Amino acid sequence: MISINIQRVMNARGITTYYKFLVKNGFTPSTATKLVNNTIEYFKFDHIEKLCNLLNCTPNDLIEWTPNDKSEDKANHPLQAIRKRGGNVNLTEILKTLPMDKLKEVEKLIQDSI
């Protein structure tokens, strides 16, 4: 099943108040609620583009695939590219617990990738 998971990207960006962020950035309260609760029935292209611009990501970062059963779970299937394994990552919380020497290593990695 393909689904929307904007919380994963928002957590990575340090956004903790999903609904408030979405409404503040132009989504209707109804759409924001559906996006946050992953109950949206369809994903409009203008919503995808707006989220990608706001969160500096691609559509593949916003959607994920979970096989419905074992027969669909083929290792070489292209849908594996949007399969997310593991929980949501909250980098802000992780960074809060790192010792300073490790933070310097993270800072260097970031600087080297820019």
PDB file of N, CA and C in Angstrom:
ATOM      1  N   MET A   1       0.839  -1.172   0.000  1.00  0.00           N
ATOM      2  CA  MET A   1       0.000   0.000   0.000  1.00  0.00           C
ATOM      3  C   MET A   1       0.890   1.244   0.000  1.00  0.00           C
ATOM      4  N   ILE A   2       0.563   2.181  -0.826  1.00  0.00           N
ATOM      5  CA  ILE A   2       1.274   3.458  -0.871  1.00  0.00           C
ATOM      6  C   ILE A   2       0.526   4.437   0.027  1.00  0.00           C
ATOM      7  N   SER A   3       1.269   5.135   0.886  1.00  0.00           N
ATOM      8  CA  SER A   3       0.640   6.093   1.796  1.00  0.00           C
ATOM      9  C   SER A   3       1.500   7.347   1.923  1.00  0.00           C
ATOM     10  N   ILE A   4       0.918   8.358   2.533  1.00  0.00           N
ATOM     11  CA  ILE A   4       1.591   9.630   2.772  1.00  0.00           C
ATOM     12  C   ILE A   4       2.151   9.607   4.187  1.00  0.00           C
ATOM     13  N   ASN A   5       3.397  10.034   4.348  1.00  0.00           N
ATOM     14  CA  ASN A   5       3.973  10.143   5.687  1.00  0.00           C
ATOM     15  C   ASN A   5       4.782  11.431   5.764  1.00  0.00           C
ATOM     16  N   ILE A   6       4.089  12.535   5.976  1.00  0.00           N
ATOM     17  CA  ILE A   6       4.787  13.821   6.056  1.00  0.00           C
ATOM     18  C   ILE A   6       5.453  14.014   7.406  1.00  0.00           C
ATOM     19  N   GLN A   7       5.011  13.271   8.422  1.00  0.00           N
ATOM     20  CA  GLN A   7       5.593  13.409   9.751  1.00  0.00           C
ATOM     21  C   GLN A   7       7.077  13.065   9.755  1.00  0.00           C
ATOM     22  N   ARG A   8       7.467  12.080   8.958  1.00  0.00           N
ATOM     23  CA  ARG A   8       8.867  11.657   8.887  1.00  0.00           C
ATOM     24  C   ARG A   8       9.755  12.831   8.464  1.00  0.00           C
ATOM     25  N   VAL A   9       9.364  13.552   7.415  1.00  0.00           N
ATOM     26  CA  VAL A   9      10.162  14.680   6.921  1.00  0.00           C
ATOM     27  C   VAL A   9      10.087  15.846   7.904  1.00  0.00           C
ATOM     28  N   MET A  10       8.901  16.094   8.440  1.00  0.00           N
ATOM     29  CA  MET A  10       8.754  17.195   9.396  1.00  0.00           C
ATOM     30  C   MET A  10       9.618  16.963  10.634  1.00  0.00           C
ATOM     31  N   ASN A  11       9.639  15.751  11.139  1.00  0.00           N
ATOM     32  CA  ASN A  11      10.496  15.446  12.278  1.00  0.00           C
ATOM     33  C   ASN A  11      11.958  15.692  11.942  1.00  0.00           C
ATOM     34  N   ALA A  12      12.368  15.269  10.761  1.00  0.00           N
ATOM     35  CA  ALA A  12      13.752  15.469  10.346  1.00  0.00           C
ATOM     36  C   ALA A  12      14.101  16.952  10.237  1.00  0.00           C
ATOM     37  N   ARG A  13      13.101  17.777   9.954  1.00  0.00           N
ATOM     38  CA  ARG A  13      13.308  19.223   9.839  1.00  0.00           C
ATOM     39  C   ARG A  13      13.095  19.947  11.174  1.00  0.00           C
ATOM     40  N   GLY A  14      12.803  19.187  12.227  1.00  0.00           N
ATOM     41  CA  GLY A  14      12.606  19.793  13.540  1.00  0.00           C
ATOM     42  C   GLY A  14      11.240  20.414  13.747  1.00  0.00           C
ATOM     43  N   ILE A  15      10.287  20.069  12.897  1.00  0.00           N
ATOM     44  CA  ILE A  15       8.925  20.591  13.014  1.00  0.00           C
ATOM     45  C   ILE A  15       8.128  19.614  13.867  1.00  0.00           C
ATOM     46  N   THR A  16       7.603  20.094  14.978  1.00  0.00           N
ATOM     47  CA  THR A  16       6.883  19.210  15.896  1.00  0.00           C
ATOM     48  C   THR A  16       5.384  19.490  15.932  1.00  0.00           C
ATOM     49  N   THR A  17       4.984  20.656  15.509  1.00  0.00           N
ATOM     50  CA  THR A  17       3.560  20.994  15.482  1.00  0.00           C
ATOM     51  C   THR A  17       3.096  20.947  14.032  1.00  0.00           C
ATOM     52  N   TYR A  18       2.842  19.742  13.552  1.00  0.00           N
ATOM     53  CA  TYR A  18       2.538  19.502  12.137  1.00  0.00           C
ATOM     54  C   TYR A  18       1.348  20.324  11.656  1.00  0.00           C
ATOM     55  N   TYR A  19       0.245  20.196  12.365  1.00  0.00           N
ATOM     56  CA  TYR A  19      -0.989  20.874  11.963  1.00  0.00           C
ATOM     57  C   TYR A  19      -0.765  22.385  11.886  1.00  0.00           C
ATOM     58  N   LYS A  20      -0.200  22.951  12.918  1.00  0.00           N
ATOM     59  CA  LYS A  20       0.038  24.397  12.962  1.00  0.00           C
ATOM     60  C   LYS A  20       0.943  24.839  11.812  1.00  0.00           C
ATOM     61  N   PHE A  21       1.974  24.072  11.538  1.00  0.00           N
ATOM     62  CA  PHE A  21       2.888  24.377  10.438  1.00  0.00           C
ATOM     63  C   PHE A  21       2.142  24.391   9.105  1.00  0.00           C
ATOM     64  N   LEU A  22       1.319  23.394   8.874  1.00  0.00           N
ATOM     65  CA  LEU A  22       0.600  23.290   7.599  1.00  0.00           C
ATOM     66  C   LEU A  22      -0.388  24.437   7.419  1.00  0.00           C
ATOM     67  N   VAL A  23      -1.166  24.733   8.448  1.00  0.00           N
ATOM     68  CA  VAL A  23      -2.157  25.810   8.353  1.00  0.00           C
ATOM     69  C   VAL A  23      -1.451  27.154   8.180  1.00  0.00           C
ATOM     70  N   LYS A  24      -0.373  27.364   8.920  1.00  0.00           N
ATOM     71  CA  LYS A  24       0.390  28.616   8.813  1.00  0.00           C
ATOM     72  C   LYS A  24       0.927  28.818   7.395  1.00  0.00           C
ATOM     73  N   ASN A  25       1.191  27.710   6.708  1.00  0.00           N
ATOM     74  CA  ASN A  25       1.752  27.778   5.365  1.00  0.00           C
ATOM     75  C   ASN A  25       0.728  27.580   4.260  1.00  0.00           C
ATOM     76  N   GLY A  26      -0.550  27.826   4.567  1.00  0.00           N
ATOM     77  CA  GLY A  26      -1.551  27.908   3.517  1.00  0.00           C
ATOM     78  C   GLY A  26      -2.451  26.714   3.299  1.00  0.00           C
ATOM     79  N   PHE A  27      -2.276  25.645   4.041  1.00  0.00           N
ATOM     80  CA  PHE A  27      -3.183  24.508   3.895  1.00  0.00           C
ATOM     81  C   PHE A  27      -4.444  24.772   4.710  1.00  0.00           C
ATOM     82  N   THR A  28      -5.573  24.340   4.190  1.00  0.00           N
ATOM     83  CA  THR A  28      -6.816  24.512   4.935  1.00  0.00           C
ATOM     84  C   THR A  28      -6.763  23.623   6.176  1.00  0.00           C
ATOM     85  N   PRO A  29      -7.492  23.998   7.222  1.00  0.00           N
ATOM     86  CA  PRO A  29      -7.522  23.151   8.418  1.00  0.00           C
ATOM     87  C   PRO A  29      -7.941  21.709   8.117  1.00  0.00           C
ATOM     88  N   SER A  30      -8.893  21.541   7.216  1.00  0.00           N
ATOM     89  CA  SER A  30      -9.354  20.204   6.851  1.00  0.00           C
ATOM     90  C   SER A  30      -8.236  19.386   6.188  1.00  0.00           C
ATOM     91  N   THR A  31      -7.558  19.988   5.225  1.00  0.00           N
ATOM     92  CA  THR A  31      -6.469  19.294   4.539  1.00  0.00           C
ATOM     93  C   THR A  31      -5.332  19.014   5.498  1.00  0.00           C
ATOM     94  N   ALA A  32      -5.004  19.983   6.350  1.00  0.00           N
ATOM     95  CA  ALA A  32      -3.920  19.797   7.319  1.00  0.00           C
ATOM     96  C   ALA A  32      -4.223  18.617   8.244  1.00  0.00           C
ATOM     97  N   THR A  33      -5.442  18.527   8.717  1.00  0.00           N
ATOM     98  CA  THR A  33      -5.837  17.419   9.589  1.00  0.00           C
ATOM     99  C   THR A  33      -5.683  16.087   8.875  1.00  0.00           C
ATOM    100  N   LYS A  34      -6.149  16.031   7.632  1.00  0.00           N
ATOM    101  CA  LYS A  34      -6.054  14.786   6.863  1.00  0.00           C
ATOM    102  C   LYS A  34      -4.603  14.404   6.577  1.00  0.00           C
ATOM    103  N   LEU A  35      -3.758  15.384   6.284  1.00  0.00           N
ATOM    104  CA  LEU A  35      -2.346  15.092   6.041  1.00  0.00           C
ATOM    105  C   LEU A  35      -1.657  14.583   7.305  1.00  0.00           C
ATOM    106  N   VAL A  36      -1.927  15.247   8.412  1.00  0.00           N
ATOM    107  CA  VAL A  36      -1.295  14.862   9.680  1.00  0.00           C
ATOM    108  C   VAL A  36      -1.747  13.467  10.118  1.00  0.00           C
ATOM    109  N   ASN A  37      -3.022  13.173   9.940  1.00  0.00           N
ATOM    110  CA  ASN A  37      -3.565  11.883  10.377  1.00  0.00           C
ATOM    111  C   ASN A  37      -3.447  10.789   9.322  1.00  0.00           C
ATOM    112  N   ASN A  38      -2.851  11.131   8.180  1.00  0.00           N
ATOM    113  CA  ASN A  38      -2.681  10.190   7.073  1.00  0.00           C
ATOM    114  C   ASN A  38      -4.018   9.587   6.639  1.00  0.00           C
ATOM    115  N   THR A  39      -5.036  10.450   6.580  1.00  0.00           N
ATOM    116  CA  THR A  39      -6.366  10.006   6.142  1.00  0.00           C
ATOM    117  C   THR A  39      -6.791  10.690   4.850  1.00  0.00           C
ATOM    118  N   ILE A  40      -5.839  11.314   4.181  1.00  0.00           N
ATOM    119  CA  ILE A  40      -6.149  12.035   2.946  1.00  0.00           C
ATOM    120  C   ILE A  40      -6.483  11.016   1.853  1.00  0.00           C
ATOM    121  N   GLU A  41      -7.545  11.277   1.115  1.00  0.00           N
ATOM    122  CA  GLU A  41      -8.009  10.339   0.099  1.00  0.00           C
ATOM    123  C   GLU A  41      -7.263  10.477  -1.219  1.00  0.00           C
ATOM    124  N   TYR A  42      -6.815  11.677  -1.522  1.00  0.00           N
ATOM    125  CA  TYR A  42      -6.022  11.899  -2.721  1.00  0.00           C
ATOM    126  C   TYR A  42      -5.021  13.016  -2.422  1.00  0.00           C
ATOM    127  N   PHE A  43      -3.933  12.986  -3.141  1.00  0.00           N
ATOM    128  CA  PHE A  43      -2.837  13.920  -2.907  1.00  0.00           C
ATOM    129  C   PHE A  43      -2.716  14.797  -4.150  1.00  0.00           C
ATOM    130  N   LYS A  44      -3.164  16.039  -4.031  1.00  0.00           N
ATOM    131  CA  LYS A  44      -3.152  16.939  -5.177  1.00  0.00           C
ATOM    132  C   LYS A  44      -1.718  17.353  -5.513  1.00  0.00           C
ATOM    133  N   PHE A  45      -1.453  17.522  -6.805  1.00  0.00           N
ATOM    134  CA  PHE A  45      -0.109  17.890  -7.236  1.00  0.00           C
ATOM    135  C   PHE A  45       0.351  19.216  -6.653  1.00  0.00           C
ATOM    136  N   ASP A  46      -0.563  20.181  -6.526  1.00  0.00           N
ATOM    137  CA  ASP A  46      -0.142  21.460  -5.957  1.00  0.00           C
ATOM    138  C   ASP A  46       0.199  21.310  -4.471  1.00  0.00           C
ATOM    139  N   HIS A  47      -0.445  20.381  -3.772  1.00  0.00           N
ATOM    140  CA  HIS A  47      -0.091  20.109  -2.375  1.00  0.00           C
ATOM    141  C   HIS A  47       1.286  19.459  -2.281  1.00  0.00           C
ATOM    142  N   ILE A  48       1.547  18.516  -3.183  1.00  0.00           N
ATOM    143  CA  ILE A  48       2.851  17.852  -3.204  1.00  0.00           C
ATOM    144  C   ILE A  48       3.951  18.882  -3.440  1.00  0.00           C
ATOM    145  N   GLU A  49       3.738  19.730  -4.435  1.00  0.00           N
ATOM    146  CA  GLU A  49       4.748  20.742  -4.758  1.00  0.00           C
ATOM    147  C   GLU A  49       4.952  21.708  -3.593  1.00  0.00           C
ATOM    148  N   LYS A  50       3.865  22.148  -2.991  1.00  0.00           N
ATOM    149  CA  LYS A  50       3.961  23.082  -1.863  1.00  0.00           C
ATOM    150  C   LYS A  50       4.737  22.448  -0.702  1.00  0.00           C
ATOM    151  N   LEU A  51       4.404  21.196  -0.366  1.00  0.00           N
ATOM    152  CA  LEU A  51       5.114  20.504   0.713  1.00  0.00           C
ATOM    153  C   LEU A  51       6.591  20.314   0.385  1.00  0.00           C
ATOM    154  N   CYS A  52       6.875  19.944  -0.843  1.00  0.00           N
ATOM    155  CA  CYS A  52       8.276  19.751  -1.244  1.00  0.00           C
ATOM    156  C   CYS A  52       9.062  21.054  -1.137  1.00  0.00           C
ATOM    157  N   ASN A  53       8.445  22.158  -1.526  1.00  0.00           N
ATOM    158  CA  ASN A  53       9.118  23.459  -1.407  1.00  0.00           C
ATOM    159  C   ASN A  53       9.302  23.860   0.053  1.00  0.00           C
ATOM    160  N   LEU A  54       8.279  23.670   0.864  1.00  0.00           N
ATOM    161  CA  LEU A  54       8.352  24.032   2.279  1.00  0.00           C
ATOM    162  C   LEU A  54       9.366  23.181   3.046  1.00  0.00           C
ATOM    163  N   LEU A  55       9.407  21.892   2.723  1.00  0.00           N
ATOM    164  CA  LEU A  55      10.235  20.953   3.474  1.00  0.00           C
ATOM    165  C   LEU A  55      11.554  20.616   2.792  1.00  0.00           C
ATOM    166  N   ASN A  56      11.799  21.234   1.631  1.00  0.00           N
ATOM    167  CA  ASN A  56      13.028  20.996   0.873  1.00  0.00           C
ATOM    168  C   ASN A  56      13.255  19.489   0.667  1.00  0.00           C
ATOM    169  N   CYS A  57      12.284  18.864   0.015  1.00  0.00           N
ATOM    170  CA  CYS A  57      12.356  17.423  -0.196  1.00  0.00           C
ATOM    171  C   CYS A  57      11.770  17.079  -1.562  1.00  0.00           C
ATOM    172  N   THR A  58      11.707  15.804  -1.864  1.00  0.00           N
ATOM    173  CA  THR A  58      11.104  15.331  -3.108  1.00  0.00           C
ATOM    174  C   THR A  58       9.813  14.581  -2.784  1.00  0.00           C
ATOM    175  N   PRO A  59       8.963  14.344  -3.770  1.00  0.00           N
ATOM    176  CA  PRO A  59       7.748  13.554  -3.513  1.00  0.00           C
ATOM    177  C   PRO A  59       8.062  12.174  -2.922  1.00  0.00           C
ATOM    178  N   ASN A  60       9.168  11.576  -3.323  1.00  0.00           N
ATOM    179  CA  ASN A  60       9.537  10.263  -2.773  1.00  0.00           C
ATOM    180  C   ASN A  60       9.769  10.320  -1.268  1.00  0.00           C
ATOM    181  N   ASP A  61      10.136  11.483  -0.740  1.00  0.00           N
ATOM    182  CA  ASP A  61      10.327  11.624   0.695  1.00  0.00           C
ATOM    183  C   ASP A  61       8.991  11.663   1.437  1.00  0.00           C
ATOM    184  N   LEU A  62       7.933  12.054   0.750  1.00  0.00           N
ATOM    185  CA  LEU A  62       6.620  12.223   1.377  1.00  0.00           C
ATOM    186  C   LEU A  62       5.753  10.972   1.325  1.00  0.00           C
ATOM    187  N   ILE A  63       6.045  10.088   0.390  1.00  0.00           N
ATOM    188  CA  ILE A  63       5.226   8.883   0.259  1.00  0.00           C
ATOM    189  C   ILE A  63       6.049   7.659   0.618  1.00  0.00           C
ATOM    190  N   GLU A  64       5.357   6.632   1.042  1.00  0.00           N
ATOM    191  CA  GLU A  64       6.052   5.390   1.354  1.00  0.00           C
ATOM    192  C   GLU A  64       5.206   4.200   0.937  1.00  0.00           C
ATOM    193  N   TRP A  65       5.887   3.107   0.707  1.00  0.00           N
ATOM    194  CA  TRP A  65       5.232   1.885   0.271  1.00  0.00           C
ATOM    195  C   TRP A  65       5.456   0.796   1.303  1.00  0.00           C
ATOM    196  N   THR A  66       4.379   0.108   1.633  1.00  0.00           N
ATOM    197  CA  THR A  66       4.436  -1.069   2.489  1.00  0.00           C
ATOM    198  C   THR A  66       3.719  -2.180   1.745  1.00  0.00           C
ATOM    199  N   PRO A  67       4.406  -3.292   1.496  1.00  0.00           N
ATOM    200  CA  PRO A  67       3.740  -4.379   0.772  1.00  0.00           C
ATOM    201  C   PRO A  67       2.527  -4.890   1.544  1.00  0.00           C
ATOM    202  N   ASN A  68       1.466  -5.210   0.827  1.00  0.00           N
ATOM    203  CA  ASN A  68       0.258  -5.741   1.468  1.00  0.00           C
ATOM    204  C   ASN A  68       0.466  -7.163   1.966  1.00  0.00           C
ATOM    205  N   ASP A  69       1.277  -7.927   1.242  1.00  0.00           N
ATOM    206  CA  ASP A  69       1.580  -9.287   1.687  1.00  0.00           C
ATOM    207  C   ASP A  69       2.948  -9.699   1.146  1.00  0.00           C
ATOM    208  N   LYS A  70       3.417 -10.848   1.578  1.00  0.00           N
ATOM    209  CA  LYS A  70       4.759 -11.320   1.216  1.00  0.00           C
ATOM    210  C   LYS A  70       4.953 -11.464  -0.291  1.00  0.00           C
ATOM    211  N   SER A  71       3.902 -11.820  -1.022  1.00  0.00           N
ATOM    212  CA  SER A  71       4.034 -12.032  -2.459  1.00  0.00           C
ATOM    213  C   SER A  71       4.367 -10.735  -3.204  1.00  0.00           C
ATOM    214  N   GLU A  72       3.999  -9.580  -2.625  1.00  0.00           N
ATOM    215  CA  GLU A  72       4.313  -8.282  -3.254  1.00  0.00           C
ATOM    216  C   GLU A  72       5.721  -7.786  -2.910  1.00  0.00           C
ATOM    217  N   ASP A  73       6.342  -8.371  -1.912  1.00  0.00           N
ATOM    218  CA  ASP A  73       7.626  -7.887  -1.406  1.00  0.00           C
ATOM    219  C   ASP A  73       8.791  -8.498  -2.183  1.00  0.00           C
ATOM    220  N   LYS A  74       9.008  -7.940  -3.374  1.00  0.00           N
ATOM    221  CA  LYS A  74      10.099  -8.419  -4.228  1.00  0.00           C
ATOM    222  C   LYS A  74      11.279  -7.460  -4.100  1.00  0.00           C
ATOM    223  N   ALA A  75      12.436  -7.987  -3.796  1.00  0.00           N
ATOM    224  CA  ALA A  75      13.624  -7.168  -3.512  1.00  0.00           C
ATOM    225  C   ALA A  75      14.006  -6.251  -4.664  1.00  0.00           C
ATOM    226  N   ASN A  76      13.768  -6.664  -5.890  1.00  0.00           N
ATOM    227  CA  ASN A  76      14.201  -5.855  -7.036  1.00  0.00           C
ATOM    228  C   ASN A  76      13.084  -4.980  -7.609  1.00  0.00           C
ATOM    229  N   HIS A  77      11.950  -4.908  -6.931  1.00  0.00           N
ATOM    230  CA  HIS A  77      10.837  -4.100  -7.444  1.00  0.00           C
ATOM    231  C   HIS A  77      11.130  -2.614  -7.248  1.00  0.00           C
ATOM    232  N   PRO A  78      10.819  -1.775  -8.236  1.00  0.00           N
ATOM    233  CA  PRO A  78      11.093  -0.336  -8.129  1.00  0.00           C
ATOM    234  C   PRO A  78      10.417   0.352  -6.938  1.00  0.00           C
ATOM    235  N   LEU A  79       9.307  -0.190  -6.440  1.00  0.00           N
ATOM    236  CA  LEU A  79       8.657   0.414  -5.271  1.00  0.00           C
ATOM    237  C   LEU A  79       9.524   0.341  -4.012  1.00  0.00           C
ATOM    238  N   GLN A  80      10.517  -0.519  -4.018  1.00  0.00           N
ATOM    239  CA  GLN A  80      11.428  -0.595  -2.867  1.00  0.00           C
ATOM    240  C   GLN A  80      12.106   0.755  -2.618  1.00  0.00           C
ATOM    241  N   ALA A  81      12.218   1.578  -3.655  1.00  0.00           N
ATOM    242  CA  ALA A  81      12.856   2.892  -3.515  1.00  0.00           C
ATOM    243  C   ALA A  81      12.093   3.819  -2.581  1.00  0.00           C
ATOM    244  N   ILE A  82      10.782   3.594  -2.428  1.00  0.00           N
ATOM    245  CA  ILE A  82      10.008   4.452  -1.521  1.00  0.00           C
ATOM    246  C   ILE A  82       9.548   3.689  -0.285  1.00  0.00           C
ATOM    247  N   ARG A  83      10.151   2.549  -0.050  1.00  0.00           N
ATOM    248  CA  ARG A  83       9.847   1.785   1.160  1.00  0.00           C
ATOM    249  C   ARG A  83      10.702   2.331   2.293  1.00  0.00           C
ATOM    250  N   LYS A  84      10.046   2.751   3.336  1.00  0.00           N
ATOM    251  CA  LYS A  84      10.751   3.308   4.486  1.00  0.00           C
ATOM    252  C   LYS A  84      10.786   2.248   5.576  1.00  0.00           C
ATOM    253  N   ARG A  85      11.968   1.937   6.010  1.00  0.00           N
ATOM    254  CA  ARG A  85      12.118   0.971   7.105  1.00  0.00           C
ATOM    255  C   ARG A  85      12.589   1.734   8.331  1.00  0.00           C
ATOM    256  N   GLY A  86      12.124   1.317   9.465  1.00  0.00           N
ATOM    257  CA  GLY A  86      12.508   2.000  10.698  1.00  0.00           C
ATOM    258  C   GLY A  86      11.528   3.109  11.007  1.00  0.00           C
ATOM    259  N   GLY A  87      11.654   3.650  12.189  1.00  0.00           N
ATOM    260  CA  GLY A  87      10.726   4.688  12.641  1.00  0.00           C
ATOM    261  C   GLY A  87      11.102   6.063  12.139  1.00  0.00           C
ATOM    262  N   ASN A  88      10.313   7.023  12.538  1.00  0.00           N
ATOM    263  CA  ASN A  88      10.590   8.415  12.207  1.00  0.00           C
ATOM    264  C   ASN A  88      11.833   8.874  12.949  1.00  0.00           C
ATOM    265  N   VAL A  89      12.664   9.632  12.268  1.00  0.00           N
ATOM    266  CA  VAL A  89      13.896  10.137  12.859  1.00  0.00           C
ATOM    267  C   VAL A  89      13.682  11.581  13.274  1.00  0.00           C
ATOM    268  N   ASN A  90      13.988  11.886  14.516  1.00  0.00           N
ATOM    269  CA  ASN A  90      13.915  13.256  15.004  1.00  0.00           C
ATOM    270  C   ASN A  90      15.341  13.718  15.261  1.00  0.00           C
ATOM    271  N   LEU A  91      15.944  14.328  14.246  1.00  0.00           N
ATOM    272  CA  LEU A  91      17.343  14.740  14.338  1.00  0.00           C
ATOM    273  C   LEU A  91      17.590  15.752  15.441  1.00  0.00           C
ATOM    274  N   THR A  92      16.610  16.603  15.691  1.00  0.00           N
ATOM    275  CA  THR A  92      16.764  17.598  16.746  1.00  0.00           C
ATOM    276  C   THR A  92      16.997  16.916  18.081  1.00  0.00           C
ATOM    277  N   GLU A  93      16.213  15.902  18.378  1.00  0.00           N
ATOM    278  CA  GLU A  93      16.366  15.179  19.647  1.00  0.00           C
ATOM    279  C   GLU A  93      17.684  14.416  19.687  1.00  0.00           C
ATOM    280  N   ILE A  94      18.073  13.829  18.583  1.00  0.00           N
ATOM    281  CA  ILE A  94      19.347  13.107  18.526  1.00  0.00           C
ATOM    282  C   ILE A  94      20.507  14.064  18.766  1.00  0.00           C
ATOM    283  N   LEU A  95      20.468  15.224  18.112  1.00  0.00           N
ATOM    284  CA  LEU A  95      21.547  16.201  18.264  1.00  0.00           C
ATOM    285  C   LEU A  95      21.649  16.732  19.687  1.00  0.00           C
ATOM    286  N   LYS A  96      20.533  16.828  20.387  1.00  0.00           N
ATOM    287  CA  LYS A  96      20.547  17.322  21.769  1.00  0.00           C
ATOM    288  C   LYS A  96      21.347  16.409  22.692  1.00  0.00           C
ATOM    289  N   THR A  97      21.423  15.129  22.361  1.00  0.00           N
ATOM    290  CA  THR A  97      22.074  14.169  23.249  1.00  0.00           C
ATOM    291  C   THR A  97      23.522  13.867  22.874  1.00  0.00           C
ATOM    292  N   LEU A  98      23.970  14.348  21.715  1.00  0.00           N
ATOM    293  CA  LEU A  98      25.336  14.064  21.293  1.00  0.00           C
ATOM    294  C   LEU A  98      26.349  14.887  22.080  1.00  0.00           C
ATOM    295  N   PRO A  99      27.484  14.275  22.435  1.00  0.00           N
ATOM    296  CA  PRO A  99      28.551  15.062  23.056  1.00  0.00           C
ATOM    297  C   PRO A  99      29.153  16.028  22.041  1.00  0.00           C
ATOM    298  N   MET A 100      29.808  17.048  22.523  1.00  0.00           N
ATOM    299  CA  MET A 100      30.328  18.109  21.651  1.00  0.00           C
ATOM    300  C   MET A 100      31.267  17.584  20.583  1.00  0.00           C
ATOM    301  N   ASP A 101      32.112  16.617  20.890  1.00  0.00           N
ATOM    302  CA  ASP A 101      33.037  16.116  19.873  1.00  0.00           C
ATOM    303  C   ASP A 101      32.285  15.457  18.715  1.00  0.00           C
ATOM    304  N   LYS A 102      31.196  14.777  19.026  1.00  0.00           N
ATOM    305  CA  LYS A 102      30.380  14.165  17.968  1.00  0.00           C
ATOM    306  C   LYS A 102      29.625  15.229  17.177  1.00  0.00           C
ATOM    307  N   LEU A 103      29.176  16.295  17.847  1.00  0.00           N
ATOM    308  CA  LEU A 103      28.508  17.397  17.148  1.00  0.00           C
ATOM    309  C   LEU A 103      29.449  18.056  16.151  1.00  0.00           C
ATOM    310  N   LYS A 104      30.727  18.167  16.524  1.00  0.00           N
ATOM    311  CA  LYS A 104      31.715  18.737  15.605  1.00  0.00           C
ATOM    312  C   LYS A 104      31.880  17.851  14.377  1.00  0.00           C
ATOM    313  N   GLU A 105      31.841  16.542  14.570  1.00  0.00           N
ATOM    314  CA  GLU A 105      31.928  15.616  13.436  1.00  0.00           C
ATOM    315  C   GLU A 105      30.713  15.769  12.513  1.00  0.00           C
ATOM    316  N   VAL A 106      29.539  15.906  13.117  1.00  0.00           N
ATOM    317  CA  VAL A 106      28.308  16.100  12.333  1.00  0.00           C
ATOM    318  C   VAL A 106      28.397  17.415  11.565  1.00  0.00           C
ATOM    319  N   GLU A 107      28.845  18.466  12.237  1.00  0.00           N
ATOM    320  CA  GLU A 107      28.994  19.767  11.589  1.00  0.00           C
ATOM    321  C   GLU A 107      29.946  19.674  10.402  1.00  0.00           C
ATOM    322  N   LYS A 108      31.040  18.959  10.563  1.00  0.00           N
ATOM    323  CA  LYS A 108      32.009  18.807   9.465  1.00  0.00           C
ATOM    324  C   LYS A 108      31.374  18.053   8.300  1.00  0.00           C
ATOM    325  N   LEU A 109      30.646  16.974   8.593  1.00  0.00           N
ATOM    326  CA  LEU A 109      29.958  16.228   7.534  1.00  0.00           C
ATOM    327  C   LEU A 109      28.987  17.107   6.769  1.00  0.00           C
ATOM    328  N   ILE A 110      28.268  17.940   7.500  1.00  0.00           N
ATOM    329  CA  ILE A 110      27.306  18.841   6.846  1.00  0.00           C
ATOM    330  C   ILE A 110      28.027  19.864   5.996  1.00  0.00           C
ATOM    331  N   GLN A 111      29.060  20.467   6.515  1.00  0.00           N
ATOM    332  CA  GLN A 111      29.824  21.466   5.772  1.00  0.00           C
ATOM    333  C   GLN A 111      30.431  20.859   4.509  1.00  0.00           C
ATOM    334  N   ASP A 112      30.925  19.630   4.616  1.00  0.00           N
ATOM    335  CA  ASP A 112      31.523  18.968   3.458  1.00  0.00           C
ATOM    336  C   ASP A 112      30.504  18.638   2.381  1.00  0.00           C
ATOM    337  N   SER A 113      29.237  18.502   2.758  1.00  0.00           N
ATOM    338  CA  SER A 113      28.225  18.131   1.773  1.00  0.00           C
ATOM    339  C   SER A 113      27.544  19.345   1.123  1.00  0.00           C
ATOM    340  N   ILE A 114      27.832  20.536   1.635  1.00  0.00           N
ATOM    341  CA  ILE A 114      27.204  21.738   1.089  1.00  0.00           C
ATOM    342  C   ILE A 114      27.990  22.259  -0.104  1.00  0.00           C
TER     343      ILE A 114
END
